[in-house]
N, C-alpha and C. Protein backbone atom coordinates (compact mmCIF):
# COMPACT_ATOMS: atom_id res chain seq x y z
N MET A 1 -1.18 -17.96 -15.24
CA MET A 1 -0.49 -17.53 -14.05
C MET A 1 -1.45 -17.62 -12.87
N ARG A 2 -0.98 -18.10 -11.74
CA ARG A 2 -1.82 -18.25 -10.57
C ARG A 2 -2.08 -16.89 -9.90
N THR A 3 -3.23 -16.80 -9.27
CA THR A 3 -3.62 -15.55 -8.61
C THR A 3 -2.65 -15.21 -7.49
N GLU A 4 -2.10 -16.22 -6.81
CA GLU A 4 -1.14 -15.97 -5.73
C GLU A 4 0.11 -15.25 -6.24
N GLN A 5 0.42 -15.40 -7.50
CA GLN A 5 1.58 -14.72 -8.08
C GLN A 5 1.17 -13.43 -8.81
N ALA A 6 0.02 -13.46 -9.43
CA ALA A 6 -0.42 -12.30 -10.22
C ALA A 6 -0.87 -11.14 -9.33
N ALA A 7 -1.53 -11.42 -8.22
CA ALA A 7 -2.04 -10.35 -7.37
C ALA A 7 -0.93 -9.50 -6.76
N PRO A 8 0.14 -10.10 -6.20
CA PRO A 8 1.21 -9.23 -5.71
C PRO A 8 1.89 -8.43 -6.82
N ALA A 9 2.02 -9.03 -8.00
CA ALA A 9 2.61 -8.31 -9.13
C ALA A 9 1.74 -7.11 -9.50
N LEU A 10 0.43 -7.30 -9.52
CA LEU A 10 -0.49 -6.19 -9.79
C LEU A 10 -0.38 -5.13 -8.70
N GLY A 11 -0.25 -5.57 -7.45
CA GLY A 11 -0.10 -4.63 -6.34
C GLY A 11 1.16 -3.81 -6.46
N ILE A 12 2.26 -4.45 -6.83
CA ILE A 12 3.52 -3.73 -7.02
C ILE A 12 3.39 -2.72 -8.15
N LEU A 13 2.80 -3.14 -9.25
CA LEU A 13 2.59 -2.22 -10.37
C LEU A 13 1.68 -1.06 -9.97
N GLY A 14 0.65 -1.35 -9.17
CA GLY A 14 -0.24 -0.29 -8.70
C GLY A 14 0.48 0.70 -7.80
N CYS A 15 1.33 0.19 -6.91
CA CYS A 15 2.10 1.08 -6.04
C CYS A 15 3.05 1.96 -6.84
N LEU A 16 3.73 1.37 -7.80
CA LEU A 16 4.64 2.14 -8.63
C LEU A 16 3.89 3.14 -9.52
N ALA A 17 2.69 2.77 -9.95
CA ALA A 17 1.87 3.69 -10.73
C ALA A 17 1.46 4.91 -9.90
N VAL A 18 1.21 4.70 -8.61
CA VAL A 18 0.90 5.83 -7.72
C VAL A 18 2.09 6.78 -7.64
N VAL A 19 3.28 6.20 -7.48
CA VAL A 19 4.49 7.02 -7.41
C VAL A 19 4.68 7.83 -8.69
N VAL A 20 4.51 7.19 -9.84
CA VAL A 20 4.67 7.88 -11.12
C VAL A 20 3.59 8.95 -11.29
N THR A 21 2.37 8.65 -10.93
CA THR A 21 1.28 9.61 -11.06
C THR A 21 1.51 10.83 -10.19
N LEU A 22 2.04 10.61 -8.99
CA LEU A 22 2.33 11.74 -8.11
C LEU A 22 3.52 12.56 -8.61
N ALA A 23 4.46 11.92 -9.27
CA ALA A 23 5.65 12.63 -9.76
C ALA A 23 5.41 13.33 -11.09
N LEU A 24 4.37 12.95 -11.80
CA LEU A 24 4.13 13.47 -13.14
C LEU A 24 4.10 15.00 -13.25
N PRO A 25 3.40 15.72 -12.37
CA PRO A 25 3.43 17.18 -12.50
C PRO A 25 4.83 17.78 -12.37
N TYR A 26 5.66 17.19 -11.51
CA TYR A 26 7.03 17.68 -11.38
C TYR A 26 7.85 17.40 -12.64
N LEU A 27 7.57 16.27 -13.27
CA LEU A 27 8.31 15.90 -14.47
C LEU A 27 7.90 16.72 -15.69
N VAL A 28 6.62 17.10 -15.74
CA VAL A 28 6.09 17.80 -16.91
C VAL A 28 6.52 19.26 -16.93
N SER A 29 6.54 19.89 -15.79
CA SER A 29 6.78 21.33 -15.78
C SER A 29 7.77 21.70 -14.67
N THR A 30 8.78 22.44 -15.05
CA THR A 30 9.73 22.94 -14.07
C THR A 30 9.34 24.36 -13.67
N GLY A 31 9.78 24.78 -12.52
CA GLY A 31 9.47 26.13 -12.07
C GLY A 31 8.17 26.26 -11.30
N TRP A 32 7.50 25.17 -11.07
CA TRP A 32 6.23 25.20 -10.35
C TRP A 32 6.35 24.52 -8.99
N GLY A 33 7.56 24.41 -8.47
CA GLY A 33 7.81 23.67 -7.24
C GLY A 33 7.02 24.17 -6.05
N SER A 34 6.98 25.47 -5.82
CA SER A 34 6.27 25.98 -4.64
C SER A 34 4.76 25.81 -4.76
N GLN A 35 4.23 26.02 -5.96
CA GLN A 35 2.79 25.83 -6.16
C GLN A 35 2.41 24.36 -6.01
N LEU A 36 3.23 23.48 -6.56
CA LEU A 36 2.96 22.05 -6.43
C LEU A 36 3.12 21.60 -4.99
N GLY A 37 4.05 22.19 -4.28
CA GLY A 37 4.23 21.87 -2.86
C GLY A 37 2.98 22.18 -2.05
N ARG A 38 2.37 23.35 -2.31
CA ARG A 38 1.11 23.69 -1.62
C ARG A 38 -0.02 22.76 -2.04
N TYR A 39 -0.05 22.42 -3.31
CA TYR A 39 -1.06 21.51 -3.85
C TYR A 39 -0.97 20.14 -3.17
N TYR A 40 0.24 19.60 -3.06
CA TYR A 40 0.42 18.28 -2.46
C TYR A 40 0.25 18.28 -0.94
N ALA A 41 0.46 19.41 -0.30
CA ALA A 41 0.35 19.49 1.16
C ALA A 41 -1.07 19.78 1.63
N ALA A 42 -1.99 19.95 0.74
CA ALA A 42 -3.37 20.30 1.11
C ALA A 42 -4.01 19.18 1.90
N GLY A 43 -5.00 19.55 2.68
CA GLY A 43 -5.74 18.56 3.44
C GLY A 43 -5.08 18.24 4.76
N PRO A 44 -5.72 17.40 5.55
CA PRO A 44 -5.20 17.08 6.88
C PRO A 44 -3.86 16.34 6.86
N LEU A 45 -3.65 15.46 5.90
CA LEU A 45 -2.42 14.68 5.85
C LEU A 45 -1.56 15.00 4.64
N GLY A 46 -2.13 15.58 3.63
CA GLY A 46 -1.39 15.78 2.39
C GLY A 46 -1.27 14.47 1.65
N VAL A 47 -0.80 14.55 0.43
CA VAL A 47 -0.71 13.35 -0.39
C VAL A 47 0.61 12.60 -0.15
N GLY A 48 1.50 13.20 0.63
CA GLY A 48 2.75 12.52 0.97
C GLY A 48 2.50 11.21 1.70
N ALA A 49 1.42 11.15 2.46
CA ALA A 49 1.06 9.91 3.16
C ALA A 49 0.73 8.80 2.16
N VAL A 50 0.08 9.15 1.08
CA VAL A 50 -0.24 8.17 0.04
C VAL A 50 1.05 7.65 -0.60
N LEU A 51 1.96 8.57 -0.87
CA LEU A 51 3.26 8.18 -1.44
C LEU A 51 3.99 7.24 -0.50
N PHE A 52 4.03 7.56 0.78
CA PHE A 52 4.69 6.71 1.77
C PHE A 52 4.04 5.33 1.81
N LEU A 53 2.72 5.28 1.87
CA LEU A 53 2.02 3.99 1.93
C LEU A 53 2.23 3.18 0.66
N ALA A 54 2.32 3.83 -0.48
CA ALA A 54 2.58 3.12 -1.73
C ALA A 54 3.98 2.51 -1.73
N LEU A 55 4.95 3.25 -1.24
CA LEU A 55 6.31 2.72 -1.18
C LEU A 55 6.43 1.56 -0.19
N VAL A 56 5.75 1.67 0.94
CA VAL A 56 5.73 0.56 1.88
C VAL A 56 4.99 -0.63 1.27
N GLY A 57 3.95 -0.34 0.51
CA GLY A 57 3.20 -1.40 -0.16
C GLY A 57 4.06 -2.22 -1.10
N VAL A 58 4.97 -1.58 -1.80
CA VAL A 58 5.89 -2.32 -2.68
C VAL A 58 6.68 -3.33 -1.87
N VAL A 59 7.18 -2.91 -0.73
CA VAL A 59 7.98 -3.80 0.13
C VAL A 59 7.13 -4.96 0.64
N VAL A 60 5.92 -4.67 1.06
CA VAL A 60 5.04 -5.72 1.60
C VAL A 60 4.66 -6.72 0.52
N PHE A 61 4.26 -6.24 -0.65
CA PHE A 61 3.92 -7.15 -1.74
C PHE A 61 5.12 -8.00 -2.15
N LEU A 62 6.29 -7.38 -2.22
CA LEU A 62 7.50 -8.13 -2.58
C LEU A 62 7.83 -9.19 -1.53
N ALA A 63 7.70 -8.83 -0.26
CA ALA A 63 8.00 -9.78 0.81
C ALA A 63 7.08 -10.99 0.75
N GLY A 64 5.82 -10.76 0.46
CA GLY A 64 4.88 -11.87 0.35
C GLY A 64 5.12 -12.70 -0.89
N ALA A 65 5.40 -12.05 -2.00
CA ALA A 65 5.59 -12.76 -3.26
C ALA A 65 6.87 -13.58 -3.26
N ARG A 66 7.91 -13.10 -2.60
CA ARG A 66 9.19 -13.80 -2.58
C ARG A 66 9.32 -14.77 -1.41
N GLY A 67 8.31 -14.88 -0.58
CA GLY A 67 8.34 -15.82 0.52
C GLY A 67 9.12 -15.36 1.74
N ARG A 68 9.46 -14.10 1.81
CA ARG A 68 10.19 -13.57 2.98
C ARG A 68 9.26 -13.39 4.17
N THR A 69 7.97 -13.25 3.88
CA THR A 69 6.93 -13.12 4.88
C THR A 69 5.83 -14.10 4.54
N ASP A 70 5.16 -14.59 5.57
CA ASP A 70 4.03 -15.47 5.34
C ASP A 70 3.04 -14.78 4.40
N ALA A 71 2.56 -15.50 3.42
CA ALA A 71 1.69 -14.91 2.40
C ALA A 71 0.42 -14.32 2.99
N SER A 72 -0.17 -14.99 3.97
CA SER A 72 -1.41 -14.47 4.55
C SER A 72 -1.14 -13.19 5.36
N THR A 73 0.01 -13.11 6.01
CA THR A 73 0.37 -11.89 6.73
C THR A 73 0.60 -10.74 5.76
N ALA A 74 1.34 -11.01 4.70
CA ALA A 74 1.60 -9.98 3.69
C ALA A 74 0.30 -9.52 3.04
N ALA A 75 -0.61 -10.44 2.79
CA ALA A 75 -1.89 -10.08 2.17
C ALA A 75 -2.71 -9.20 3.11
N GLY A 76 -2.73 -9.54 4.38
CA GLY A 76 -3.47 -8.73 5.35
C GLY A 76 -2.90 -7.34 5.52
N ILE A 77 -1.57 -7.26 5.62
CA ILE A 77 -0.94 -5.96 5.76
C ILE A 77 -1.15 -5.12 4.50
N SER A 78 -1.00 -5.73 3.34
CA SER A 78 -1.17 -4.97 2.10
C SER A 78 -2.62 -4.51 1.93
N LEU A 79 -3.56 -5.31 2.39
CA LEU A 79 -4.97 -4.90 2.30
C LEU A 79 -5.22 -3.69 3.20
N ALA A 80 -4.72 -3.73 4.42
CA ALA A 80 -4.88 -2.59 5.33
C ALA A 80 -4.18 -1.35 4.77
N LEU A 81 -2.97 -1.53 4.27
CA LEU A 81 -2.23 -0.42 3.66
C LEU A 81 -2.99 0.17 2.48
N GLY A 82 -3.52 -0.69 1.63
CA GLY A 82 -4.24 -0.22 0.45
C GLY A 82 -5.50 0.54 0.79
N VAL A 83 -6.24 0.05 1.76
CA VAL A 83 -7.48 0.74 2.15
C VAL A 83 -7.16 2.10 2.75
N VAL A 84 -6.15 2.15 3.64
CA VAL A 84 -5.77 3.43 4.24
C VAL A 84 -5.25 4.39 3.17
N ALA A 85 -4.44 3.90 2.24
CA ALA A 85 -3.93 4.76 1.16
C ALA A 85 -5.08 5.32 0.33
N LEU A 86 -6.06 4.50 0.03
CA LEU A 86 -7.20 4.97 -0.75
C LEU A 86 -8.01 6.01 0.03
N LEU A 87 -8.22 5.78 1.31
CA LEU A 87 -8.97 6.75 2.12
C LEU A 87 -8.22 8.08 2.22
N VAL A 88 -6.91 8.03 2.40
CA VAL A 88 -6.12 9.26 2.47
C VAL A 88 -6.14 9.98 1.13
N ALA A 89 -6.05 9.22 0.03
CA ALA A 89 -6.10 9.84 -1.30
C ALA A 89 -7.45 10.51 -1.54
N LEU A 90 -8.53 9.86 -1.12
CA LEU A 90 -9.85 10.47 -1.26
C LEU A 90 -9.98 11.72 -0.41
N LEU A 91 -9.49 11.65 0.82
CA LEU A 91 -9.54 12.81 1.71
C LEU A 91 -8.76 13.98 1.11
N TRP A 92 -7.58 13.68 0.57
CA TRP A 92 -6.76 14.72 -0.06
C TRP A 92 -7.47 15.28 -1.29
N ALA A 93 -8.01 14.41 -2.13
CA ALA A 93 -8.65 14.86 -3.37
C ALA A 93 -9.85 15.76 -3.10
N MET A 94 -10.56 15.48 -2.03
CA MET A 94 -11.74 16.29 -1.72
C MET A 94 -11.38 17.61 -1.04
N SER A 95 -10.21 17.67 -0.41
CA SER A 95 -9.87 18.89 0.32
C SER A 95 -8.83 19.76 -0.37
N VAL A 96 -8.28 19.31 -1.49
CA VAL A 96 -7.24 20.07 -2.16
C VAL A 96 -7.82 21.29 -2.87
N SER A 97 -7.06 22.36 -2.83
CA SER A 97 -7.46 23.57 -3.55
C SER A 97 -6.66 23.65 -4.84
N LEU A 98 -7.32 23.97 -5.91
CA LEU A 98 -6.64 24.09 -7.20
C LEU A 98 -6.12 25.50 -7.45
N GLN A 99 -6.36 26.40 -6.53
CA GLN A 99 -5.95 27.79 -6.71
C GLN A 99 -4.45 27.95 -6.97
N PRO A 100 -3.55 27.21 -6.28
CA PRO A 100 -2.12 27.41 -6.58
C PRO A 100 -1.73 26.99 -8.00
N LEU A 101 -2.59 26.25 -8.69
CA LEU A 101 -2.24 25.70 -9.99
C LEU A 101 -2.82 26.45 -11.17
N PHE A 102 -3.51 27.56 -10.92
CA PHE A 102 -4.04 28.34 -12.04
C PHE A 102 -2.86 28.84 -12.87
N GLY A 103 -2.92 28.63 -14.16
CA GLY A 103 -1.84 29.02 -15.05
C GLY A 103 -0.85 27.91 -15.31
N PHE A 104 -1.08 26.73 -14.72
CA PHE A 104 -0.20 25.60 -14.97
C PHE A 104 -0.24 25.27 -16.46
N PRO A 105 0.90 24.93 -17.07
CA PRO A 105 0.93 24.76 -18.52
C PRO A 105 0.16 23.55 -19.05
N ALA A 106 -0.30 22.67 -18.20
CA ALA A 106 -1.04 21.49 -18.67
C ALA A 106 -2.45 21.52 -18.08
N SER A 107 -3.46 21.34 -18.90
CA SER A 107 -4.84 21.44 -18.43
C SER A 107 -5.28 20.22 -17.61
N TRP A 108 -4.61 19.08 -17.77
CA TRP A 108 -5.01 17.87 -17.04
C TRP A 108 -4.77 17.98 -15.55
N ILE A 109 -4.04 19.00 -15.10
CA ILE A 109 -3.71 19.11 -13.68
C ILE A 109 -4.96 19.28 -12.82
N THR A 110 -6.03 19.82 -13.40
CA THR A 110 -7.26 19.99 -12.62
C THR A 110 -7.89 18.65 -12.27
N ASP A 111 -7.64 17.62 -13.06
CA ASP A 111 -8.16 16.28 -12.77
C ASP A 111 -7.11 15.36 -12.17
N HIS A 112 -5.91 15.87 -11.95
CA HIS A 112 -4.81 15.04 -11.46
C HIS A 112 -5.16 14.36 -10.14
N ARG A 113 -5.84 15.05 -9.25
CA ARG A 113 -6.20 14.46 -7.96
C ARG A 113 -7.06 13.22 -8.12
N TRP A 114 -7.94 13.24 -9.11
CA TRP A 114 -8.80 12.08 -9.33
C TRP A 114 -8.03 10.95 -10.01
N TYR A 115 -7.02 11.28 -10.80
CA TYR A 115 -6.14 10.25 -11.35
C TYR A 115 -5.39 9.54 -10.23
N VAL A 116 -4.96 10.32 -9.25
CA VAL A 116 -4.26 9.73 -8.09
C VAL A 116 -5.19 8.76 -7.36
N VAL A 117 -6.43 9.18 -7.15
CA VAL A 117 -7.40 8.30 -6.47
C VAL A 117 -7.64 7.03 -7.30
N ALA A 118 -7.81 7.19 -8.60
CA ALA A 118 -8.08 6.03 -9.46
C ALA A 118 -6.92 5.04 -9.44
N VAL A 119 -5.71 5.55 -9.51
CA VAL A 119 -4.55 4.66 -9.53
C VAL A 119 -4.35 4.03 -8.15
N THR A 120 -4.64 4.77 -7.09
CA THR A 120 -4.51 4.22 -5.74
C THR A 120 -5.49 3.10 -5.50
N THR A 121 -6.61 3.10 -6.19
CA THR A 121 -7.61 2.04 -6.05
C THR A 121 -7.05 0.67 -6.43
N ILE A 122 -6.04 0.64 -7.28
CA ILE A 122 -5.44 -0.63 -7.69
C ILE A 122 -4.84 -1.37 -6.50
N ILE A 123 -4.29 -0.64 -5.55
CA ILE A 123 -3.60 -1.27 -4.42
C ILE A 123 -4.55 -2.12 -3.57
N PRO A 124 -5.67 -1.58 -3.05
CA PRO A 124 -6.53 -2.46 -2.25
C PRO A 124 -7.21 -3.56 -3.06
N VAL A 125 -7.46 -3.30 -4.34
CA VAL A 125 -8.06 -4.34 -5.18
C VAL A 125 -7.08 -5.51 -5.34
N ALA A 126 -5.82 -5.20 -5.63
CA ALA A 126 -4.81 -6.25 -5.76
C ALA A 126 -4.60 -6.96 -4.43
N ALA A 127 -4.62 -6.21 -3.34
CA ALA A 127 -4.44 -6.81 -2.01
C ALA A 127 -5.61 -7.73 -1.66
N ALA A 128 -6.83 -7.32 -2.04
CA ALA A 128 -7.99 -8.17 -1.78
C ALA A 128 -7.91 -9.46 -2.59
N LEU A 129 -7.48 -9.36 -3.84
CA LEU A 129 -7.29 -10.56 -4.66
C LEU A 129 -6.22 -11.47 -4.06
N TYR A 130 -5.16 -10.86 -3.58
CA TYR A 130 -4.07 -11.60 -2.96
C TYR A 130 -4.55 -12.30 -1.69
N ALA A 131 -5.30 -11.58 -0.86
CA ALA A 131 -5.83 -12.17 0.36
C ALA A 131 -6.79 -13.31 0.06
N ARG A 132 -7.61 -13.13 -0.93
CA ARG A 132 -8.56 -14.19 -1.31
C ARG A 132 -7.82 -15.43 -1.82
N ALA A 133 -6.72 -15.22 -2.51
CA ALA A 133 -5.97 -16.35 -3.07
C ALA A 133 -5.21 -17.14 -2.01
N VAL A 134 -4.71 -16.45 -0.99
CA VAL A 134 -3.89 -17.15 0.00
C VAL A 134 -4.66 -17.60 1.22
N LEU A 135 -5.85 -17.10 1.43
CA LEU A 135 -6.62 -17.52 2.60
C LEU A 135 -7.61 -18.61 2.29
């Protein structure tokens, strides 16, 4: 498979993985909505910005892969989106307080913020591969 086709596919999978990773605490445990709301809203922007950028990233990667947008334009936009999403995820992960989540039924929640950062890293990496392939 050519990199021009594989990189956007990886980017789409990375964006969807961010969405799933962010939704996982809600799916695992019910009744923790208010605590999770405070957890996700922590920091200057909250993690909702990462979710928004990931969803926009899906559209940008799809537009480039399907030829609806010039491939070099889609690669540049996706690279900028990916870098900003990663920076916002890092900012959120470093500023989030775990205090609202004490007593959460799953112990992995304390590392959830770093899982979000790790999965978000896929987006700029895929975008960089895509940019390198089309430029």
